[in-house]
Amino acid sequence: MKWQKALLSTLQRQQGKKIALAVDTSTNEVNEELIKNIIELFAQVNPETRLIQSDFKIRDISPIDRASLTYFTHGKSSYTEVLEWGETENIDILYYITDVTGYFYEELKVDYDVMWLVPNDFVPKVPFGKTLKIA
């Protein structure tokens, strides 16, 4: 329950800010029920949240309450398009559900907060932002 409280607390502090939730859909080897529950939490706490589905490119951007996730099996992921989208859309904070094994341009500048939600027991070092293990 520790990570659930931390995530809820973080979301509550973000009230009135422009937030987005990205889901790495590059593999179907994920706890789909866990991700579904996180999406529902975002929809309840901040219904204005945009949901981005992405693997090596953005597959879908939709309101959080209307999304239907599609997972792939190729395992290729890149965070660049999502991070650039966040910059273009003036996002205040981006939450990203991923195992943090994807690619991004090293010279990419991110001028907003990023919270990496890692659904594994192993949490790799992130290039920027904060991590929260959700496993």
N, C-alpha and C. Protein backbone atom coordinates (compact mmCIF):
# COMPACT_ATOMS: atom_id res chain seq x y z
N MET A 1 0.81 -1.21 0.00
CA MET A 1 0.00 0.00 0.00
C MET A 1 0.85 1.27 0.00
N LYS A 2 2.14 1.13 0.26
CA LYS A 2 2.98 2.32 0.36
C LYS A 2 3.01 3.10 -0.95
N TRP A 3 3.23 2.42 -2.10
CA TRP A 3 3.30 3.14 -3.36
C TRP A 3 1.95 3.73 -3.75
N GLN A 4 0.85 3.06 -3.39
CA GLN A 4 -0.48 3.59 -3.71
C GLN A 4 -0.71 4.93 -3.01
N LYS A 5 -0.32 4.98 -1.75
CA LYS A 5 -0.47 6.23 -0.99
C LYS A 5 0.42 7.32 -1.56
N ALA A 6 1.64 6.95 -1.93
CA ALA A 6 2.57 7.94 -2.51
C ALA A 6 2.03 8.48 -3.83
N LEU A 7 1.50 7.60 -4.67
CA LEU A 7 0.95 8.03 -5.96
C LEU A 7 -0.28 8.91 -5.76
N LEU A 8 -1.18 8.49 -4.89
CA LEU A 8 -2.38 9.29 -4.61
C LEU A 8 -2.01 10.66 -4.07
N SER A 9 -1.06 10.70 -3.15
CA SER A 9 -0.62 11.97 -2.58
C SER A 9 -0.04 12.89 -3.65
N THR A 10 0.78 12.32 -4.52
CA THR A 10 1.37 13.10 -5.61
C THR A 10 0.29 13.64 -6.54
N LEU A 11 -0.67 12.80 -6.88
CA LEU A 11 -1.77 13.24 -7.76
C LEU A 11 -2.59 14.35 -7.12
N GLN A 12 -2.87 14.21 -5.84
CA GLN A 12 -3.66 15.23 -5.14
C GLN A 12 -2.94 16.58 -5.11
N ARG A 13 -1.62 16.54 -5.00
CA ARG A 13 -0.84 17.79 -5.01
C ARG A 13 -0.83 18.43 -6.39
N GLN A 14 -1.15 17.67 -7.42
CA GLN A 14 -1.11 18.19 -8.79
C GLN A 14 -2.46 18.75 -9.25
N GLN A 15 -3.43 18.85 -8.35
CA GLN A 15 -4.73 19.38 -8.71
C GLN A 15 -4.58 20.75 -9.38
N GLY A 16 -5.28 20.94 -10.49
CA GLY A 16 -5.22 22.19 -11.21
C GLY A 16 -4.06 22.30 -12.19
N LYS A 17 -3.19 21.31 -12.21
CA LYS A 17 -2.06 21.32 -13.15
C LYS A 17 -2.38 20.43 -14.33
N LYS A 18 -1.67 20.66 -15.41
CA LYS A 18 -1.86 19.88 -16.63
C LYS A 18 -0.97 18.64 -16.55
N ILE A 19 -1.62 17.47 -16.41
CA ILE A 19 -0.87 16.25 -16.27
C ILE A 19 -1.23 15.26 -17.38
N ALA A 20 -0.32 14.33 -17.61
CA ALA A 20 -0.54 13.28 -18.59
C ALA A 20 0.01 11.97 -18.02
N LEU A 21 -0.58 10.88 -18.47
CA LEU A 21 -0.13 9.54 -18.09
C LEU A 21 0.22 8.80 -19.36
N ALA A 22 1.47 8.38 -19.47
CA ALA A 22 1.91 7.59 -20.62
C ALA A 22 2.08 6.14 -20.19
N VAL A 23 1.72 5.23 -21.09
CA VAL A 23 1.88 3.81 -20.84
C VAL A 23 2.75 3.24 -21.95
N ASP A 24 3.83 2.58 -21.56
CA ASP A 24 4.71 1.90 -22.50
C ASP A 24 4.00 0.62 -22.93
N THR A 25 3.58 0.55 -24.19
CA THR A 25 2.81 -0.59 -24.70
C THR A 25 3.67 -1.51 -25.56
N SER A 26 4.99 -1.47 -25.38
CA SER A 26 5.89 -2.23 -26.23
C SER A 26 5.92 -3.72 -25.91
N THR A 27 5.31 -4.11 -24.81
CA THR A 27 5.28 -5.53 -24.46
C THR A 27 3.95 -5.85 -23.78
N ASN A 28 3.53 -7.08 -23.95
CA ASN A 28 2.31 -7.51 -23.26
C ASN A 28 2.64 -8.27 -21.98
N GLU A 29 3.90 -8.27 -21.59
CA GLU A 29 4.34 -8.92 -20.36
C GLU A 29 4.27 -7.93 -19.20
N VAL A 30 3.07 -7.45 -18.95
CA VAL A 30 2.83 -6.47 -17.90
C VAL A 30 1.64 -6.92 -17.06
N ASN A 31 1.51 -6.34 -15.91
CA ASN A 31 0.36 -6.59 -15.07
C ASN A 31 -0.76 -5.66 -15.54
N GLU A 32 -1.58 -6.16 -16.47
CA GLU A 32 -2.62 -5.32 -17.08
C GLU A 32 -3.62 -4.82 -16.04
N GLU A 33 -3.92 -5.63 -15.05
CA GLU A 33 -4.87 -5.22 -14.00
C GLU A 33 -4.30 -4.05 -13.20
N LEU A 34 -3.03 -4.10 -12.89
CA LEU A 34 -2.37 -3.01 -12.17
C LEU A 34 -2.46 -1.71 -12.98
N ILE A 35 -2.12 -1.78 -14.25
CA ILE A 35 -2.15 -0.59 -15.10
C ILE A 35 -3.57 -0.06 -15.23
N LYS A 36 -4.54 -0.95 -15.39
CA LYS A 36 -5.94 -0.54 -15.47
C LYS A 36 -6.36 0.20 -14.19
N ASN A 37 -5.94 -0.31 -13.04
CA ASN A 37 -6.28 0.33 -11.76
C ASN A 37 -5.64 1.71 -11.64
N ILE A 38 -4.41 1.85 -12.11
CA ILE A 38 -3.74 3.15 -12.07
C ILE A 38 -4.47 4.14 -12.97
N ILE A 39 -4.86 3.70 -14.15
CA ILE A 39 -5.61 4.57 -15.07
C ILE A 39 -6.92 5.01 -14.41
N GLU A 40 -7.61 4.10 -13.75
CA GLU A 40 -8.86 4.45 -13.06
C GLU A 40 -8.61 5.46 -11.94
N LEU A 41 -7.51 5.32 -11.22
CA LEU A 41 -7.17 6.28 -10.17
C LEU A 41 -6.97 7.67 -10.77
N PHE A 42 -6.22 7.76 -11.85
CA PHE A 42 -6.01 9.05 -12.52
C PHE A 42 -7.34 9.64 -12.97
N ALA A 43 -8.22 8.80 -13.53
CA ALA A 43 -9.51 9.27 -14.02
C ALA A 43 -10.36 9.83 -12.89
N GLN A 44 -10.26 9.23 -11.70
CA GLN A 44 -11.04 9.72 -10.56
C GLN A 44 -10.45 10.99 -9.96
N VAL A 45 -9.14 11.02 -9.81
CA VAL A 45 -8.50 12.15 -9.12
C VAL A 45 -8.33 13.35 -10.05
N ASN A 46 -7.98 13.10 -11.30
CA ASN A 46 -7.78 14.19 -12.26
C ASN A 46 -8.36 13.78 -13.62
N PRO A 47 -9.69 13.94 -13.81
CA PRO A 47 -10.34 13.50 -15.04
C PRO A 47 -9.88 14.22 -16.31
N GLU A 48 -9.12 15.29 -16.17
CA GLU A 48 -8.60 16.01 -17.34
C GLU A 48 -7.31 15.39 -17.88
N THR A 49 -6.81 14.36 -17.22
CA THR A 49 -5.56 13.71 -17.62
C THR A 49 -5.67 13.15 -19.03
N ARG A 50 -4.62 13.34 -19.81
CA ARG A 50 -4.52 12.72 -21.14
C ARG A 50 -3.74 11.43 -20.99
N LEU A 51 -4.19 10.38 -21.70
CA LEU A 51 -3.50 9.10 -21.69
C LEU A 51 -2.79 8.90 -23.02
N ILE A 52 -1.50 8.66 -22.95
CA ILE A 52 -0.68 8.45 -24.15
C ILE A 52 -0.25 6.99 -24.16
N GLN A 53 -0.54 6.30 -25.26
CA GLN A 53 -0.05 4.94 -25.45
C GLN A 53 1.08 5.00 -26.45
N SER A 54 2.22 4.45 -26.07
CA SER A 54 3.39 4.58 -26.91
C SER A 54 4.30 3.37 -26.76
N ASP A 55 4.94 3.01 -27.85
CA ASP A 55 6.03 2.04 -27.81
C ASP A 55 7.23 2.74 -28.43
N PHE A 56 7.57 2.48 -29.68
CA PHE A 56 8.64 3.25 -30.31
C PHE A 56 8.09 4.50 -30.98
N LYS A 57 6.76 4.66 -30.94
CA LYS A 57 6.10 5.88 -31.40
C LYS A 57 4.79 6.01 -30.65
N ILE A 58 4.22 7.19 -30.68
CA ILE A 58 2.93 7.39 -30.04
C ILE A 58 1.87 6.67 -30.87
N ARG A 59 1.10 5.83 -30.20
CA ARG A 59 0.03 5.06 -30.86
C ARG A 59 -1.33 5.71 -30.67
N ASP A 60 -1.54 6.35 -29.52
CA ASP A 60 -2.85 6.96 -29.25
C ASP A 60 -2.71 7.98 -28.14
N ILE A 61 -3.47 9.05 -28.28
CA ILE A 61 -3.61 10.05 -27.22
C ILE A 61 -5.11 10.26 -27.05
N SER A 62 -5.60 10.03 -25.86
CA SER A 62 -7.04 10.14 -25.64
C SER A 62 -7.33 10.57 -24.21
N PRO A 63 -8.57 11.02 -23.97
CA PRO A 63 -8.95 11.32 -22.59
C PRO A 63 -8.82 10.05 -21.75
N ILE A 64 -8.44 10.21 -20.51
CA ILE A 64 -8.15 9.06 -19.64
C ILE A 64 -9.35 8.14 -19.48
N ASP A 65 -10.56 8.68 -19.53
CA ASP A 65 -11.74 7.85 -19.30
C ASP A 65 -12.26 7.15 -20.56
N ARG A 66 -11.60 7.36 -21.69
CA ARG A 66 -12.07 6.73 -22.94
C ARG A 66 -11.04 5.82 -23.59
N ALA A 67 -9.98 5.55 -22.92
CA ALA A 67 -8.89 4.79 -23.53
C ALA A 67 -9.11 3.29 -23.43
N SER A 68 -8.67 2.61 -24.45
CA SER A 68 -8.63 1.15 -24.47
C SER A 68 -7.21 0.77 -24.85
N LEU A 69 -6.49 0.15 -23.93
CA LEU A 69 -5.07 -0.13 -24.15
C LEU A 69 -4.86 -1.28 -25.13
N THR A 70 -3.85 -1.11 -25.97
CA THR A 70 -3.41 -2.15 -26.89
C THR A 70 -1.93 -2.36 -26.66
N TYR A 71 -1.54 -3.60 -26.34
CA TYR A 71 -0.14 -3.93 -26.10
C TYR A 71 0.44 -4.65 -27.30
N PHE A 72 1.75 -4.54 -27.46
CA PHE A 72 2.47 -5.17 -28.56
C PHE A 72 3.48 -6.15 -27.99
N THR A 73 4.10 -6.93 -28.85
CA THR A 73 5.03 -7.96 -28.36
C THR A 73 6.46 -7.75 -28.84
N HIS A 74 6.73 -6.66 -29.52
CA HIS A 74 8.06 -6.47 -30.10
C HIS A 74 9.10 -5.99 -29.10
N GLY A 75 8.70 -5.38 -27.99
CA GLY A 75 9.63 -4.97 -26.96
C GLY A 75 10.45 -3.73 -27.26
N LYS A 76 10.17 -3.03 -28.34
CA LYS A 76 10.93 -1.82 -28.70
C LYS A 76 10.20 -0.60 -28.15
N SER A 77 10.93 0.21 -27.40
CA SER A 77 10.30 1.42 -26.89
C SER A 77 11.27 2.60 -26.95
N SER A 78 10.67 3.75 -27.20
CA SER A 78 11.40 5.02 -27.20
C SER A 78 10.54 6.04 -26.48
N TYR A 79 11.15 6.83 -25.64
CA TYR A 79 10.41 7.83 -24.88
C TYR A 79 10.42 9.20 -25.54
N THR A 80 11.18 9.35 -26.59
CA THR A 80 11.41 10.66 -27.20
C THR A 80 10.12 11.35 -27.64
N GLU A 81 9.29 10.66 -28.43
CA GLU A 81 8.06 11.30 -28.93
C GLU A 81 7.15 11.75 -27.80
N VAL A 82 7.01 10.92 -26.79
CA VAL A 82 6.14 11.27 -25.66
C VAL A 82 6.70 12.48 -24.92
N LEU A 83 8.00 12.47 -24.66
CA LEU A 83 8.61 13.60 -23.95
C LEU A 83 8.53 14.88 -24.76
N GLU A 84 8.70 14.80 -26.07
CA GLU A 84 8.55 15.98 -26.94
C GLU A 84 7.09 16.44 -26.95
N TRP A 85 6.15 15.51 -26.99
CA TRP A 85 4.73 15.85 -26.94
C TRP A 85 4.43 16.62 -25.65
N GLY A 86 4.95 16.14 -24.53
CA GLY A 86 4.74 16.81 -23.25
C GLY A 86 5.24 18.25 -23.26
N GLU A 87 6.37 18.47 -23.92
CA GLU A 87 6.93 19.82 -24.04
C GLU A 87 6.01 20.69 -24.90
N THR A 88 5.58 20.18 -26.03
CA THR A 88 4.70 20.91 -26.95
C THR A 88 3.37 21.26 -26.30
N GLU A 89 2.85 20.33 -25.51
CA GLU A 89 1.54 20.51 -24.87
C GLU A 89 1.62 21.26 -23.54
N ASN A 90 2.81 21.70 -23.16
CA ASN A 90 3.01 22.43 -21.90
C ASN A 90 2.50 21.66 -20.69
N ILE A 91 2.85 20.39 -20.65
CA ILE A 91 2.47 19.54 -19.52
C ILE A 91 3.26 20.00 -18.28
N ASP A 92 2.58 19.98 -17.13
CA ASP A 92 3.27 20.29 -15.88
C ASP A 92 3.98 19.07 -15.33
N ILE A 93 3.33 17.90 -15.45
CA ILE A 93 3.95 16.65 -14.99
C ILE A 93 3.47 15.50 -15.86
N LEU A 94 4.42 14.66 -16.22
CA LEU A 94 4.15 13.45 -16.99
C LEU A 94 4.45 12.25 -16.11
N TYR A 95 3.48 11.39 -15.96
CA TYR A 95 3.66 10.10 -15.30
C TYR A 95 3.84 9.08 -16.41
N TYR A 96 4.84 8.21 -16.28
CA TYR A 96 5.15 7.27 -17.36
C TYR A 96 5.26 5.86 -16.78
N ILE A 97 4.32 4.98 -17.13
CA ILE A 97 4.38 3.58 -16.69
C ILE A 97 5.26 2.83 -17.67
N THR A 98 6.42 2.39 -17.19
CA THR A 98 7.40 1.73 -18.05
C THR A 98 8.42 1.00 -17.21
N ASP A 99 9.13 0.08 -17.85
CA ASP A 99 10.22 -0.60 -17.17
C ASP A 99 11.54 0.17 -17.32
N VAL A 100 11.51 1.30 -17.96
CA VAL A 100 12.64 2.22 -18.15
C VAL A 100 13.78 1.54 -18.93
N THR A 101 13.42 0.76 -19.93
CA THR A 101 14.44 0.15 -20.79
C THR A 101 14.39 0.72 -22.20
N GLY A 102 13.61 1.78 -22.40
CA GLY A 102 13.47 2.38 -23.72
C GLY A 102 14.56 3.40 -24.02
N TYR A 103 14.47 3.94 -25.20
CA TYR A 103 15.46 4.88 -25.74
C TYR A 103 14.92 6.31 -25.69
N PHE A 104 15.81 7.27 -25.54
CA PHE A 104 15.49 8.68 -25.72
C PHE A 104 16.77 9.40 -26.13
N TYR A 105 16.61 10.50 -26.85
CA TYR A 105 17.77 11.29 -27.24
C TYR A 105 18.42 11.90 -26.01
N GLU A 106 19.72 11.70 -25.87
CA GLU A 106 20.42 12.21 -24.69
C GLU A 106 20.39 13.73 -24.60
N GLU A 107 20.36 14.40 -25.75
CA GLU A 107 20.34 15.86 -25.73
C GLU A 107 18.93 16.44 -25.55
N LEU A 108 17.95 15.58 -25.36
CA LEU A 108 16.57 16.01 -25.16
C LEU A 108 16.46 16.82 -23.87
N LYS A 109 15.85 17.97 -23.95
CA LYS A 109 15.63 18.82 -22.78
C LYS A 109 14.18 18.69 -22.34
N VAL A 110 13.99 18.39 -21.09
CA VAL A 110 12.65 18.24 -20.53
C VAL A 110 12.49 19.30 -19.44
N ASP A 111 11.58 20.24 -19.68
CA ASP A 111 11.39 21.36 -18.75
C ASP A 111 10.13 21.22 -17.90
N TYR A 112 9.73 19.99 -17.67
CA TYR A 112 8.58 19.73 -16.81
C TYR A 112 8.91 18.49 -15.97
N ASP A 113 8.09 18.21 -14.97
CA ASP A 113 8.36 17.08 -14.08
C ASP A 113 7.97 15.76 -14.75
N VAL A 114 8.78 14.75 -14.49
CA VAL A 114 8.50 13.39 -14.98
C VAL A 114 8.58 12.44 -13.78
N MET A 115 7.55 11.61 -13.65
CA MET A 115 7.51 10.57 -12.62
C MET A 115 7.43 9.23 -13.34
N TRP A 116 8.49 8.44 -13.22
CA TRP A 116 8.56 7.12 -13.84
C TRP A 116 7.90 6.12 -12.90
N LEU A 117 6.81 5.50 -13.33
CA LEU A 117 6.10 4.49 -12.54
C LEU A 117 6.56 3.13 -13.04
N VAL A 118 7.37 2.45 -12.24
CA VAL A 118 8.04 1.23 -12.69
C VAL A 118 7.32 0.00 -12.12
N PRO A 119 6.69 -0.81 -12.99
CA PRO A 119 5.92 -1.96 -12.51
C PRO A 119 6.75 -3.24 -12.34
N ASN A 120 7.99 -3.11 -11.95
CA ASN A 120 8.88 -4.26 -11.75
C ASN A 120 9.54 -4.15 -10.39
N ASP A 121 10.10 -5.26 -9.93
CA ASP A 121 10.84 -5.22 -8.68
C ASP A 121 12.18 -4.50 -8.85
N PHE A 122 12.77 -4.60 -10.05
CA PHE A 122 14.03 -3.91 -10.33
C PHE A 122 13.73 -2.53 -10.89
N VAL A 123 14.29 -1.51 -10.28
CA VAL A 123 14.08 -0.13 -10.73
C VAL A 123 15.40 0.41 -11.22
N PRO A 124 15.55 0.53 -12.56
CA PRO A 124 16.80 1.07 -13.10
C PRO A 124 16.95 2.56 -12.81
N LYS A 125 18.14 3.05 -12.96
CA LYS A 125 18.40 4.48 -12.81
C LYS A 125 17.71 5.23 -13.95
N VAL A 126 17.02 6.30 -13.61
CA VAL A 126 16.34 7.10 -14.62
C VAL A 126 17.21 8.28 -15.03
N PRO A 127 17.06 8.75 -16.27
CA PRO A 127 17.90 9.84 -16.76
C PRO A 127 17.57 11.19 -16.12
N PHE A 128 16.33 11.36 -15.67
CA PHE A 128 15.87 12.58 -15.03
C PHE A 128 14.53 12.27 -14.39
N GLY A 129 14.05 13.16 -13.57
CA GLY A 129 12.77 12.95 -12.91
C GLY A 129 12.91 12.06 -11.69
N LYS A 130 11.77 11.53 -11.24
CA LYS A 130 11.72 10.69 -10.05
C LYS A 130 11.12 9.34 -10.43
N THR A 131 11.39 8.34 -9.60
CA THR A 131 10.80 7.03 -9.83
C THR A 131 9.91 6.63 -8.67
N LEU A 132 8.94 5.79 -8.99
CA LEU A 132 8.09 5.19 -7.99
C LEU A 132 7.85 3.74 -8.42
N LYS A 133 8.32 2.81 -7.61
CA LYS A 133 8.12 1.38 -7.92
C LYS A 133 6.67 1.04 -7.59
N ILE A 134 5.95 0.53 -8.58
CA ILE A 134 4.54 0.21 -8.39
C ILE A 134 4.29 -1.29 -8.43
N ALA A 135 5.30 -2.07 -8.15
CA ALA A 135 5.15 -3.55 -8.16
C ALA A 135 4.99 -4.07 -6.75
